[in-house]
Amino acid sequence: MRLVTWNINSLRLRMDLLRRLVQAEQPDVVCLQEIKVQDSEFPMEDVQALGFPHVLRHGMKGYNGVAILSKLPFNARDPQDWCKKADSRHGVVVLGGDVELHNFYIPAGGDIPDPEKNVKFAHKLQFLDEMKDWFAGQNKTRNAIMVGDLNVAPLEHDVWSHKQLLKIVSHTPIEVEKLTAMQLAGQWQDPIRHFTPEPTKLYSWWSYRSPDWQKNDRGRRLDHVWTTPPMTSRVKSAKILREMRSWTQPSDHVAVVVDID
């Protein structure tokens, strides 16, 4: 199974880029975040024409939203209502009868890394805490995969400058601490870093604000694929499609691709 995860930053705006990605990588399952379209306006015919008859979508008008597109049949499960906001940040299906696939879009958190001054940052921290508590109660021997824009770059070499980003939302110590606690609670492992270990720099996001993203290369690894221990040994390869950031009208995120036996 080839699995792709991508924060597309508007599905309808970037349908042609999705088509290009699918043609190039031939994935079996595509997990999208920030689709920015409510379910009633979801471009179902266009998506199915790409070869994905099975579609899970949790959208909302203009913001957030996740979708799972699959060539493989699945059983959909109800997502959690994180932080009681019903803001379409989670989709979950079961593939092949026993493989849970979670697709997350964790809140970005705004610009000020202080929960008392910034409600968006407070929301992000609460979201991570709730994920930790929920995954702590799950079966640790299950076959499970979690993908998505987790909006945290946890490792020193997941950002262009560890020291300069310690006070920047997405790499602050409290975010890394909470993401790591959630990872441990679910016994999640990081196969991307298995194939490309530190100290190699690895990014999946570059700001639109950068005039020349390639020259400056001030990226962050915000997009992740995690697996439970029974699944980790079945991951055969992992890559980040850096070249997508140079496509016409790109998302500020690029896709992550994993091959799973």
Protein backbone atom coordinates (compact mmCIF):
# COMPACT_ATOMS: atom_id res chain seq x y z
CA MET A 1 0.00 0.00 0.00
CA ARG A 2 1.32 3.40 -0.95
CA LEU A 3 0.03 6.08 1.42
CA VAL A 4 0.28 9.83 0.87
CA THR A 5 -0.49 12.59 3.34
CA TRP A 6 -0.69 16.24 2.27
CA ASN A 7 -1.97 19.52 3.63
CA ILE A 8 -3.44 20.66 0.33
CA ASN A 9 -4.55 24.10 1.58
CA SER A 10 -7.84 24.11 -0.40
CA LEU A 11 -8.90 21.03 -2.33
CA ARG A 12 -10.91 22.83 -4.98
CA LEU A 13 -8.15 25.37 -5.63
CA ARG A 14 -5.49 22.67 -6.01
CA MET A 15 -7.38 19.83 -7.68
CA ASP A 16 -4.96 19.96 -10.62
CA LEU A 17 -2.02 19.58 -8.25
CA LEU A 18 -3.71 16.62 -6.58
CA ARG A 19 -4.18 15.08 -10.02
CA ARG A 20 -0.48 15.63 -10.77
CA LEU A 21 0.52 14.09 -7.45
CA VAL A 22 -1.67 11.04 -8.00
CA GLN A 23 -0.35 10.52 -11.53
CA ALA A 24 3.26 10.77 -10.37
CA GLU A 25 3.08 8.65 -7.21
CA GLN A 26 0.16 6.27 -7.91
CA PRO A 27 -0.95 6.09 -4.26
CA ASP A 28 -3.53 3.66 -2.93
CA VAL A 29 -4.62 6.01 -0.15
CA VAL A 30 -4.41 9.80 0.07
CA CYS A 31 -5.00 11.69 3.31
CA LEU A 32 -5.65 15.41 2.89
CA GLN A 33 -5.78 18.20 5.45
CA GLU A 34 -7.10 21.74 5.23
CA ILE A 35 -9.46 20.86 2.38
CA LYS A 36 -11.46 24.03 3.13
CA VAL A 37 -14.74 22.80 1.69
CA GLN A 38 -17.99 21.77 3.34
CA ASP A 39 -19.28 18.28 2.64
CA SER A 40 -22.16 19.49 0.46
CA GLU A 41 -19.68 21.13 -1.95
CA PHE A 42 -16.99 18.45 -1.85
CA PRO A 43 -15.82 17.66 -5.43
CA MET A 44 -16.71 13.98 -5.16
CA GLU A 45 -16.89 13.28 -8.90
CA ASP A 46 -13.46 14.82 -9.52
CA VAL A 47 -11.90 12.84 -6.68
CA GLN A 48 -13.45 9.56 -7.75
CA ALA A 49 -12.31 10.19 -11.32
CA LEU A 50 -8.75 10.08 -9.99
CA GLY A 51 -9.33 6.44 -9.11
CA PHE A 52 -10.56 6.66 -5.51
CA PRO A 53 -14.04 5.15 -5.19
CA HIS A 54 -13.93 5.18 -1.39
CA VAL A 55 -13.95 8.64 0.21
CA LEU A 56 -14.27 9.87 3.77
CA ARG A 57 -14.71 13.60 4.21
CA HIS A 58 -15.17 15.81 7.23
CA GLY A 59 -15.33 19.36 5.95
CA MET A 60 -16.45 22.82 6.91
CA LYS A 61 -16.91 26.02 4.98
CA GLY A 62 -13.67 27.84 4.26
CA TYR A 63 -11.56 26.33 7.04
CA ASN A 64 -9.89 23.13 8.20
CA GLY A 65 -11.35 19.85 7.01
CA VAL A 66 -9.83 16.43 6.34
CA ALA A 67 -10.45 13.74 3.73
CA ILE A 68 -9.31 10.17 3.12
CA LEU A 69 -9.34 9.01 -0.51
CA SER A 70 -8.85 5.29 -1.05
CA LYS A 71 -8.69 2.68 -3.76
CA LEU A 72 -9.17 0.13 -0.97
CA PRO A 73 -12.52 -0.35 0.76
CA PHE A 74 -12.67 0.78 4.37
CA ASN A 75 -14.98 1.03 7.33
CA ALA A 76 -15.41 4.59 8.57
CA ARG A 77 -15.48 5.37 12.26
CA ASP A 78 -16.83 8.44 14.00
CA PRO A 79 -14.03 10.90 14.82
CA GLN A 80 -13.56 12.38 18.25
CA ASP A 81 -15.00 15.85 18.91
CA TRP A 82 -11.73 17.35 20.05
CA CYS A 83 -12.03 20.31 22.42
CA LYS A 84 -15.80 20.23 21.77
CA LYS A 85 -15.35 22.49 18.75
CA ALA A 86 -16.58 20.20 15.95
CA ASP A 87 -14.03 21.83 13.66
CA SER A 88 -13.33 18.91 11.28
CA ARG A 89 -9.77 18.07 12.27
CA HIS A 90 -9.91 14.27 12.43
CA GLY A 91 -10.94 11.38 10.21
CA VAL A 92 -10.51 7.68 10.95
CA VAL A 93 -11.12 4.54 8.92
CA VAL A 94 -10.25 0.84 9.22
CA LEU A 95 -8.49 -0.69 6.21
CA GLY A 96 -8.24 -4.40 5.49
CA GLY A 97 -10.34 -5.24 8.52
CA ASP A 98 -7.75 -4.42 11.16
CA VAL A 99 -5.59 -1.40 10.27
CA GLU A 100 -6.70 1.88 11.84
CA LEU A 101 -5.83 4.96 9.82
CA HIS A 102 -6.08 8.33 11.57
CA ASN A 103 -5.86 11.58 9.61
CA PHE A 104 -5.28 14.69 11.76
CA TYR A 105 -5.05 18.42 11.28
CA ILE A 106 -3.83 19.76 14.63
CA PRO A 107 -4.46 23.49 15.23
CA ALA A 108 -1.63 25.73 14.08
CA GLY A 109 -1.73 27.82 17.25
CA GLY A 110 -1.40 31.39 15.99
CA ASP A 111 1.72 33.48 16.46
CA ILE A 112 2.06 34.07 20.21
CA PRO A 113 3.25 31.03 22.20
CA ASP A 114 1.36 31.99 25.36
CA PRO A 115 -1.97 30.27 26.11
CA GLU A 116 -3.07 33.15 28.36
CA LYS A 117 -2.58 35.72 25.62
CA ASN A 118 -3.50 33.60 22.61
CA VAL A 119 -6.65 31.46 22.55
CA LYS A 120 -5.42 29.67 19.40
CA PHE A 121 -2.32 28.48 21.21
CA ALA A 122 -4.41 27.41 24.20
CA HIS A 123 -6.62 25.42 21.81
CA LYS A 124 -3.58 23.70 20.33
CA LEU A 125 -2.22 22.65 23.72
CA GLN A 126 -5.64 21.38 24.82
CA PHE A 127 -5.97 19.42 21.58
CA LEU A 128 -2.62 17.71 22.15
CA ASP A 129 -3.53 16.89 25.75
CA GLU A 130 -6.83 15.35 24.69
CA MET A 131 -5.08 13.28 22.02
CA LYS A 132 -2.60 12.01 24.60
CA ASP A 133 -5.38 10.97 27.00
CA TRP A 134 -7.41 9.32 24.24
CA PHE A 135 -4.55 7.33 22.73
CA ALA A 136 -3.38 6.25 26.18
CA GLY A 137 -6.63 4.28 26.44
CA GLN A 138 -6.25 2.49 23.11
CA ASN A 139 -5.01 -1.05 22.55
CA LYS A 140 -1.22 -0.85 22.30
CA THR A 141 -0.92 -3.98 20.14
CA ARG A 142 -3.25 -2.72 17.42
CA ASN A 143 -2.22 -2.09 13.83
CA ALA A 144 -2.52 1.65 13.44
CA ILE A 145 -1.19 4.51 11.35
CA MET A 146 -1.51 8.20 12.14
CA VAL A 147 -0.80 10.82 9.50
CA GLY A 148 -1.38 14.48 9.01
CA ASP A 149 -0.35 18.03 9.58
CA LEU A 150 0.49 17.84 13.27
CA ASN A 151 1.77 21.43 13.21
CA VAL A 152 4.72 20.64 15.46
CA ALA A 153 8.33 20.09 14.38
CA PRO A 154 9.53 18.03 17.34
CA LEU A 155 13.20 17.34 16.67
CA GLU A 156 16.17 19.69 16.55
CA HIS A 157 16.80 18.91 12.88
CA ASP A 158 13.12 19.20 11.93
CA VAL A 159 13.62 22.97 11.71
CA TRP A 160 16.13 25.18 9.95
CA SER A 161 17.40 26.67 13.23
CA HIS A 162 16.64 25.01 16.55
CA LYS A 163 17.88 27.96 18.60
CA GLN A 164 16.07 30.64 16.60
CA LEU A 165 12.75 28.75 16.63
CA LEU A 166 12.56 27.87 20.31
CA LYS A 167 10.17 30.79 20.82
CA ILE A 168 8.31 30.32 17.54
CA VAL A 169 5.00 28.46 17.50
CA SER A 170 5.46 24.91 16.16
CA HIS A 171 8.84 24.32 17.85
CA THR A 172 8.43 25.70 21.36
CA PRO A 173 9.41 23.39 24.23
CA ILE A 174 5.84 23.08 25.53
CA GLU A 175 4.52 21.98 22.12
CA VAL A 176 7.31 19.48 21.68
CA GLU A 177 6.75 18.19 25.21
CA LYS A 178 3.02 17.67 24.64
CA LEU A 179 3.44 16.12 21.19
CA THR A 180 6.08 13.75 22.57
CA ALA A 181 3.82 12.82 25.50
CA MET A 182 1.01 12.04 23.07
CA GLN A 183 3.41 10.00 20.92
CA LEU A 184 4.52 7.96 23.92
CA ALA A 185 0.95 7.47 25.16
CA GLY A 186 -0.01 5.89 21.84
CA GLN A 187 3.34 4.12 21.45
CA TRP A 188 3.67 5.82 18.08
CA GLN A 189 6.92 5.48 16.17
CA ASP A 190 8.33 7.76 13.45
CA PRO A 191 9.34 5.71 10.39
CA ILE A 192 10.25 8.81 8.38
CA ARG A 193 13.12 9.44 10.75
CA HIS A 194 14.00 5.74 10.61
CA PHE A 195 14.76 6.11 6.91
CA THR A 196 16.25 9.61 7.23
CA PRO A 197 17.73 9.81 10.74
CA GLU A 198 19.06 12.93 12.40
CA PRO A 199 21.20 14.98 12.02
CA THR A 200 19.91 15.21 8.43
CA LYS A 201 17.62 18.21 8.11
CA LEU A 202 14.13 17.30 6.95
CA TYR A 203 11.27 19.70 6.17
CA SER A 204 7.74 19.48 4.77
CA TRP A 205 6.65 23.13 5.06
CA TRP A 206 8.09 26.45 3.89
CA SER A 207 6.38 29.76 4.58
CA TYR A 208 4.70 31.72 1.81
CA ARG A 209 6.39 34.77 3.35
CA SER A 210 9.82 33.67 2.15
CA PRO A 211 10.73 35.42 -1.12
CA ASP A 212 12.92 32.51 -2.23
CA TRP A 213 12.07 29.39 -0.27
CA GLN A 214 14.75 27.27 -1.96
CA LYS A 215 17.59 29.74 -1.40
CA ASN A 216 16.65 30.49 2.21
CA ASP A 217 15.44 26.92 2.91
CA ARG A 218 13.91 27.91 6.23
CA GLY A 219 11.64 24.91 6.52
CA ARG A 220 9.99 22.87 9.25
CA ARG A 221 8.83 19.23 9.38
CA LEU A 222 5.20 19.65 10.38
CA ASP A 223 3.72 16.73 8.42
CA HIS A 224 4.10 13.28 9.87
CA VAL A 225 3.42 9.59 9.43
CA TRP A 226 3.46 7.58 12.65
CA THR A 227 2.90 3.86 13.16
CA THR A 228 2.31 1.56 16.10
CA PRO A 229 5.07 -1.02 16.68
CA PRO A 230 3.31 -3.88 14.81
CA MET A 231 3.10 -1.65 11.71
CA THR A 232 6.54 -0.07 11.84
CA SER A 233 8.42 -3.07 10.51
CA ARG A 234 6.02 -3.15 7.56
CA VAL A 235 6.98 0.36 6.41
CA LYS A 236 9.37 -0.21 3.51
CA SER A 237 10.17 3.34 2.43
CA ALA A 238 9.35 6.95 3.24
CA LYS A 239 10.01 10.21 1.43
CA ILE A 240 9.04 13.86 1.46
CA LEU A 241 8.23 15.36 -1.95
CA ARG A 242 10.18 18.58 -1.58
CA GLU A 243 9.84 19.39 -5.29
CA MET A 244 6.10 20.02 -4.86
CA ARG A 245 6.87 23.34 -3.20
CA SER A 246 8.02 24.62 -6.63
CA TRP A 247 4.80 23.71 -8.42
CA THR A 248 2.55 26.47 -9.73
CA GLN A 249 0.27 27.85 -6.99
CA PRO A 250 1.64 25.37 -4.45
CA SER A 251 0.48 24.62 -0.98
CA ASP A 252 2.98 25.75 1.64
CA HIS A 253 3.16 22.06 2.62
CA VAL A 254 4.45 19.18 0.50
CA ALA A 255 3.33 15.57 0.56
CA VAL A 256 4.82 12.71 2.52
CA VAL A 257 4.80 9.25 0.92
CA VAL A 258 5.22 5.88 2.62
CA ASP A 259 5.12 2.36 1.24
CA ILE A 260 3.70 -0.24 3.61
CA ASP A 261 3.77 -4.01 3.18
